């Protein structure tokens, strides 16, 4: 099989474009979900800070 396939190979010549998957839809959706999870977790501490200032926040962390 390797001999059969290798006889049809052509050399790859790179062009001027660099293709990545940095903006793949699945990554963007995943990042959105992670951002929402972090926002939900931080909301508790944000509310404590807004209600009682830094001392209330420090009490929540202990």
PDB file of N, CA and C in Angstrom:
ATOM      1  N   UNK A   1       0.822  -1.186   0.000  1.00  0.00           N
ATOM      2  CA  UNK A   1       0.000   0.000   0.000  1.00  0.00           C
ATOM      3  C   UNK A   1       0.867   1.251   0.000  1.00  0.00           C
ATOM      4  N   UNK A   2       1.953   1.227   0.782  1.00  0.00           N
ATOM      5  CA  UNK A   2       2.841   2.395   0.846  1.00  0.00           C
ATOM      6  C   UNK A   2       3.463   2.692  -0.514  1.00  0.00           C
ATOM      7  N   UNK A   3       3.850   1.668  -1.267  1.00  0.00           N
ATOM      8  CA  UNK A   3       4.429   1.886  -2.605  1.00  0.00           C
ATOM      9  C   UNK A   3       3.389   2.508  -3.533  1.00  0.00           C
ATOM     10  N   UNK A   4       2.183   2.021  -3.433  1.00  0.00           N
ATOM     11  CA  UNK A   4       1.115   2.544  -4.289  1.00  0.00           C
ATOM     12  C   UNK A   4       0.840   4.020  -3.977  1.00  0.00           C
ATOM     13  N   UNK A   5       0.763   4.348  -2.705  1.00  0.00           N
ATOM     14  CA  UNK A   5       0.485   5.724  -2.294  1.00  0.00           C
ATOM     15  C   UNK A   5       1.676   6.625  -2.598  1.00  0.00           C
ATOM     16  N   UNK A   6       2.870   6.174  -2.309  1.00  0.00           N
ATOM     17  CA  UNK A   6       4.055   7.025  -2.494  1.00  0.00           C
ATOM     18  C   UNK A   6       4.278   7.396  -3.952  1.00  0.00           C
ATOM     19  N   UNK A   7       3.824   6.591  -4.887  1.00  0.00           N
ATOM     20  CA  UNK A   7       4.013   6.923  -6.301  1.00  0.00           C
ATOM     21  C   UNK A   7       3.118   8.089  -6.735  1.00  0.00           C
ATOM     22  N   UNK A   8       2.095   8.411  -5.943  1.00  0.00           N
ATOM     23  CA  UNK A   8       1.181   9.500  -6.283  1.00  0.00           C
ATOM     24  C   UNK A   8       1.417  10.767  -5.463  1.00  0.00           C
ATOM     25  N   UNK A   9       2.438  10.763  -4.617  1.00  0.00           N
ATOM     26  CA  UNK A   9       2.722  11.926  -3.781  1.00  0.00           C
ATOM     27  C   UNK A   9       3.328  13.058  -4.596  1.00  0.00           C
ATOM     28  N   UNK A  10       3.010  14.273  -4.175  1.00  0.00           N
ATOM     29  CA  UNK A  10       3.646  15.453  -4.776  1.00  0.00           C
ATOM     30  C   UNK A  10       4.266  16.265  -3.651  1.00  0.00           C
ATOM     31  N   UNK A  11       5.332  16.948  -3.967  1.00  0.00           N
ATOM     32  CA  UNK A  11       6.028  17.752  -2.969  1.00  0.00           C
ATOM     33  C   UNK A  11       5.163  18.945  -2.567  1.00  0.00           C
ATOM     34  N   UNK A  12       5.141  19.214  -1.277  1.00  0.00           N
ATOM     35  CA  UNK A  12       4.398  20.375  -0.774  1.00  0.00           C
ATOM     36  C   UNK A  12       5.271  21.617  -0.918  1.00  0.00           C
ATOM     37  N   UNK A  13       4.719  22.630  -1.561  1.00  0.00           N
ATOM     38  CA  UNK A  13       5.414  23.909  -1.702  1.00  0.00           C
ATOM     39  C   UNK A  13       4.568  24.949  -0.965  1.00  0.00           C
ATOM     40  N   UNK A  14       5.101  25.487   0.135  1.00  0.00           N
ATOM     41  CA  UNK A  14       4.309  26.447   0.904  1.00  0.00           C
ATOM     42  C   UNK A  14       4.062  27.727   0.131  1.00  0.00           C
ATOM     43  N   UNK A  15       2.911  28.314   0.351  1.00  0.00           N
ATOM     44  CA  UNK A  15       2.562  29.577  -0.285  1.00  0.00           C
ATOM     45  C   UNK A  15       2.799  30.738   0.669  1.00  0.00           C
ATOM     46  N   UNK A  16       2.147  31.848   0.405  1.00  0.00           N
ATOM     47  CA  UNK A  16       2.362  33.038   1.221  1.00  0.00           C
ATOM     48  C   UNK A  16       1.337  33.161   2.353  1.00  0.00           C
ATOM     49  N   UNK A  17       0.405  32.230   2.463  1.00  0.00           N
ATOM     50  CA  UNK A  17      -0.606  32.277   3.516  1.00  0.00           C
ATOM     51  C   UNK A  17      -0.246  31.311   4.633  1.00  0.00           C
ATOM     52  N   UNK A  18      -0.466  31.756   5.850  1.00  0.00           N
ATOM     53  CA  UNK A  18      -0.266  30.904   7.010  1.00  0.00           C
ATOM     54  C   UNK A  18      -1.641  30.565   7.558  1.00  0.00           C
ATOM     55  N   UNK A  19      -2.009  29.312   7.511  1.00  0.00           N
ATOM     56  CA  UNK A  19      -3.334  28.901   7.955  1.00  0.00           C
ATOM     57  C   UNK A  19      -3.243  28.306   9.354  1.00  0.00           C
ATOM     58  N   UNK A  20      -4.094  28.782  10.248  1.00  0.00           N
ATOM     59  CA  UNK A  20      -4.147  28.267  11.614  1.00  0.00           C
ATOM     60  C   UNK A  20      -5.602  27.980  11.966  1.00  0.00           C
ATOM     61  N   UNK A  21      -5.788  27.381  13.124  1.00  0.00           N
ATOM     62  CA  UNK A  21      -7.152  27.176  13.618  1.00  0.00           C
ATOM     63  C   UNK A  21      -7.369  27.989  14.895  1.00  0.00           C
ATOM     64  N   UNK A  22      -6.657  29.115  15.018  1.00  0.00           N
ATOM     65  CA  UNK A  22      -6.763  29.959  16.208  1.00  0.00           C
ATOM     66  C   UNK A  22      -8.175  30.490  16.436  1.00  0.00           C
ATOM     67  N   UNK A  23      -8.935  30.631  15.400  1.00  0.00           N
ATOM     68  CA  UNK A  23     -10.297  31.163  15.516  1.00  0.00           C
ATOM     69  C   UNK A  23     -11.335  30.101  15.172  1.00  0.00           C
ATOM     70  N   UNK A  24     -11.014  28.865  15.467  1.00  0.00           N
ATOM     71  CA  UNK A  24     -11.937  27.771  15.175  1.00  0.00           C
ATOM     72  C   UNK A  24     -13.219  27.965  15.976  1.00  0.00           C
ATOM     73  N   UNK A  25     -14.381  27.768  15.365  1.00  0.00           N
ATOM     74  CA  UNK A  25     -15.656  27.974  16.063  1.00  0.00           C
ATOM     75  C   UNK A  25     -15.771  27.201  17.371  1.00  0.00           C
ATOM     76  N   UNK A  26     -15.253  25.997  17.409  1.00  0.00           N
ATOM     77  CA  UNK A  26     -15.363  25.208  18.638  1.00  0.00           C
ATOM     78  C   UNK A  26     -14.558  25.860  19.760  1.00  0.00           C
ATOM     79  N   UNK A  27     -13.424  26.475  19.448  1.00  0.00           N
ATOM     80  CA  UNK A  27     -12.642  27.168  20.465  1.00  0.00           C
ATOM     81  C   UNK A  27     -13.372  28.406  20.959  1.00  0.00           C
ATOM     82  N   UNK A  28     -13.966  29.161  20.046  1.00  0.00           N
ATOM     83  CA  UNK A  28     -14.686  30.366  20.433  1.00  0.00           C
ATOM     84  C   UNK A  28     -15.871  30.032  21.329  1.00  0.00           C
ATOM     85  N   UNK A  29     -16.582  28.963  21.015  1.00  0.00           N
ATOM     86  CA  UNK A  29     -17.702  28.540  21.860  1.00  0.00           C
ATOM     87  C   UNK A  29     -17.215  28.079  23.231  1.00  0.00           C
ATOM     88  N   UNK A  30     -16.122  27.353  23.231  1.00  0.00           N
ATOM     89  CA  UNK A  30     -15.551  26.889  24.494  1.00  0.00           C
ATOM     90  C   UNK A  30     -15.104  28.044  25.368  1.00  0.00           C
ATOM     91  N   UNK A  31     -14.475  29.054  24.768  1.00  0.00           N
ATOM     92  CA  UNK A  31     -14.030  30.216  25.523  1.00  0.00           C
ATOM     93  C   UNK A  31     -15.223  30.972  26.095  1.00  0.00           C
ATOM     94  N   UNK A  32     -16.307  31.038  25.351  1.00  0.00           N
ATOM     95  CA  UNK A  32     -17.512  31.725  25.828  1.00  0.00           C
ATOM     96  C   UNK A  32     -18.062  31.026  27.071  1.00  0.00           C
ATOM     97  N   UNK A  33     -18.116  29.714  27.044  1.00  0.00           N
ATOM     98  CA  UNK A  33     -18.622  28.952  28.191  1.00  0.00           C
ATOM     99  C   UNK A  33     -17.714  29.146  29.401  1.00  0.00           C
ATOM    100  N   UNK A  34     -16.417  29.100  29.190  1.00  0.00           N
ATOM    101  CA  UNK A  34     -15.467  29.295  30.291  1.00  0.00           C
ATOM    102  C   UNK A  34     -15.612  30.695  30.876  1.00  0.00           C
ATOM    103  N   UNK A  35     -15.748  31.706  30.019  1.00  0.00           N
ATOM    104  CA  UNK A  35     -15.949  33.076  30.499  1.00  0.00           C
ATOM    105  C   UNK A  35     -17.208  33.184  31.349  1.00  0.00           C
ATOM    106  N   UNK A  36     -18.283  32.516  30.939  1.00  0.00           N
ATOM    107  CA  UNK A  36     -19.530  32.540  31.709  1.00  0.00           C
ATOM    108  C   UNK A  36     -19.349  31.858  33.065  1.00  0.00           C
ATOM    109  N   UNK A  37     -18.648  30.735  33.086  1.00  0.00           N
ATOM    110  CA  UNK A  37     -18.397  30.040  34.347  1.00  0.00           C
ATOM    111  C   UNK A  37     -17.586  30.912  35.305  1.00  0.00           C
ATOM    112  N   UNK A  38     -16.558  31.553  34.790  1.00  0.00           N
ATOM    113  CA  UNK A  38     -15.733  32.427  35.624  1.00  0.00           C
ATOM    114  C   UNK A  38     -16.573  33.600  36.126  1.00  0.00           C
ATOM    115  N   UNK A  39     -17.391  34.174  35.255  1.00  0.00           N
ATOM    116  CA  UNK A  39     -18.256  35.283  35.651  1.00  0.00           C
ATOM    117  C   UNK A  39     -19.201  34.894  36.767  1.00  0.00           C
ATOM    118  N   UNK A  40     -19.752  33.700  36.692  1.00  0.00           N
ATOM    119  CA  UNK A  40     -20.655  33.209  37.736  1.00  0.00           C
ATOM    120  C   UNK A  40     -19.923  33.064  39.073  1.00  0.00           C
ATOM    121  N   UNK A  41     -18.706  32.551  39.024  1.00  0.00           N
ATOM    122  CA  UNK A  41     -17.927  32.367  40.248  1.00  0.00           C
ATOM    123  C   UNK A  41     -17.517  33.701  40.854  1.00  0.00           C
ATOM    124  N   UNK A  42     -17.140  34.652  40.040  1.00  0.00           N
ATOM    125  CA  UNK A  42     -16.671  35.952  40.512  1.00  0.00           C
ATOM    126  C   UNK A  42     -17.827  36.810  41.022  1.00  0.00           C
ATOM    127  N   UNK A  43     -19.029  36.578  40.535  1.00  0.00           N
ATOM    128  CA  UNK A  43     -20.188  37.381  40.928  1.00  0.00           C
ATOM    129  C   UNK A  43     -20.401  37.362  42.440  1.00  0.00           C
ATOM    130  N   UNK A  44     -20.179  36.242  43.067  1.00  0.00           N
ATOM    131  CA  UNK A  44     -20.337  36.109  44.518  1.00  0.00           C
ATOM    132  C   UNK A  44     -19.417  37.092  45.247  1.00  0.00           C
ATOM    133  N   UNK A  45     -18.145  37.123  44.845  1.00  0.00           N
ATOM    134  CA  UNK A  45     -17.167  37.994  45.485  1.00  0.00           C
ATOM    135  C   UNK A  45     -17.381  39.460  45.108  1.00  0.00           C
ATOM    136  N   UNK A  46     -17.814  39.699  43.905  1.00  0.00           N
ATOM    137  CA  UNK A  46     -18.105  41.062  43.463  1.00  0.00           C
ATOM    138  C   UNK A  46     -19.241  41.649  44.306  1.00  0.00           C
ATOM    139  N   UNK A  47     -20.277  40.852  44.545  1.00  0.00           N
ATOM    140  CA  UNK A  47     -21.416  41.304  45.355  1.00  0.00           C
ATOM    141  C   UNK A  47     -20.963  41.596  46.784  1.00  0.00           C
ATOM    142  N   UNK A  48     -20.132  40.726  47.345  1.00  0.00           N
ATOM    143  CA  UNK A  48     -19.627  40.941  48.707  1.00  0.00           C
ATOM    144  C   UNK A  48     -18.841  42.241  48.780  1.00  0.00           C
ATOM    145  N   UNK A  49     -18.036  42.508  47.771  1.00  0.00           N
ATOM    146  CA  UNK A  49     -17.251  43.751  47.743  1.00  0.00           C
ATOM    147  C   UNK A  49     -18.159  44.967  47.612  1.00  0.00           C
ATOM    148  N   UNK A  50     -19.152  44.876  46.741  1.00  0.00           N
ATOM    149  CA  UNK A  50     -20.069  45.998  46.546  1.00  0.00           C
ATOM    150  C   UNK A  50     -20.878  46.276  47.807  1.00  0.00           C
ATOM    151  N   UNK A  51     -21.279  45.224  48.528  1.00  0.00           N
ATOM    152  CA  UNK A  51     -22.110  45.391  49.715  1.00  0.00           C
ATOM    153  C   UNK A  51     -21.314  45.867  50.930  1.00  0.00           C
ATOM    154  N   UNK A  52     -20.102  45.346  51.102  1.00  0.00           N
ATOM    155  CA  UNK A  52     -19.381  45.644  52.344  1.00  0.00           C
ATOM    156  C   UNK A  52     -17.956  46.125  52.183  1.00  0.00           C
ATOM    157  N   UNK A  53     -17.536  46.347  50.984  1.00  0.00           N
ATOM    158  CA  UNK A  53     -16.180  46.841  50.765  1.00  0.00           C
ATOM    159  C   UNK A  53     -15.129  45.760  50.896  1.00  0.00           C
ATOM    160  N   UNK A  54     -13.907  46.209  51.003  1.00  0.00           N
ATOM    161  CA  UNK A  54     -12.766  45.297  51.024  1.00  0.00           C
ATOM    162  C   UNK A  54     -12.788  44.391  52.251  1.00  0.00           C
ATOM    163  N   UNK A  55     -13.185  44.916  53.387  1.00  0.00           N
ATOM    164  CA  UNK A  55     -13.203  44.083  54.605  1.00  0.00           C
ATOM    165  C   UNK A  55     -14.202  42.925  54.464  1.00  0.00           C
ATOM    166  N   UNK A  56     -15.352  43.167  53.853  1.00  0.00           N
ATOM    167  CA  UNK A  56     -16.330  42.087  53.641  1.00  0.00           C
ATOM    168  C   UNK A  56     -15.781  41.047  52.680  1.00  0.00           C
ATOM    169  N   UNK A  57     -15.093  41.506  51.657  1.00  0.00           N
ATOM    170  CA  UNK A  57     -14.499  40.576  50.708  1.00  0.00           C
ATOM    171  C   UNK A  57     -13.436  39.719  51.383  1.00  0.00           C
ATOM    172  N   UNK A  58     -12.607  40.327  52.208  1.00  0.00           N
ATOM    173  CA  UNK A  58     -11.561  39.572  52.904  1.00  0.00           C
ATOM    174  C   UNK A  58     -12.158  38.554  53.860  1.00  0.00           C
ATOM    175  N   UNK A  59     -13.276  38.888  54.487  1.00  0.00           N
ATOM    176  CA  UNK A  59     -13.948  37.929  55.373  1.00  0.00           C
ATOM    177  C   UNK A  59     -14.444  36.720  54.589  1.00  0.00           C
ATOM    178  N   UNK A  60     -14.945  36.946  53.378  1.00  0.00           N
ATOM    179  CA  UNK A  60     -15.440  35.840  52.534  1.00  0.00           C
ATOM    180  C   UNK A  60     -14.303  34.915  52.128  1.00  0.00           C
ATOM    181  N   UNK A  61     -13.117  35.463  52.001  1.00  0.00           N
ATOM    182  CA  UNK A  61     -11.980  34.670  51.547  1.00  0.00           C
ATOM    183  C   UNK A  61     -11.371  33.827  52.663  1.00  0.00           C
ATOM    184  N   UNK A  62     -11.720  34.123  53.918  1.00  0.00           N
ATOM    185  CA  UNK A  62     -11.129  33.377  55.039  1.00  0.00           C
ATOM    186  C   UNK A  62     -11.881  32.134  55.354  1.00  0.00           C
TER     187      UNK A  62
END
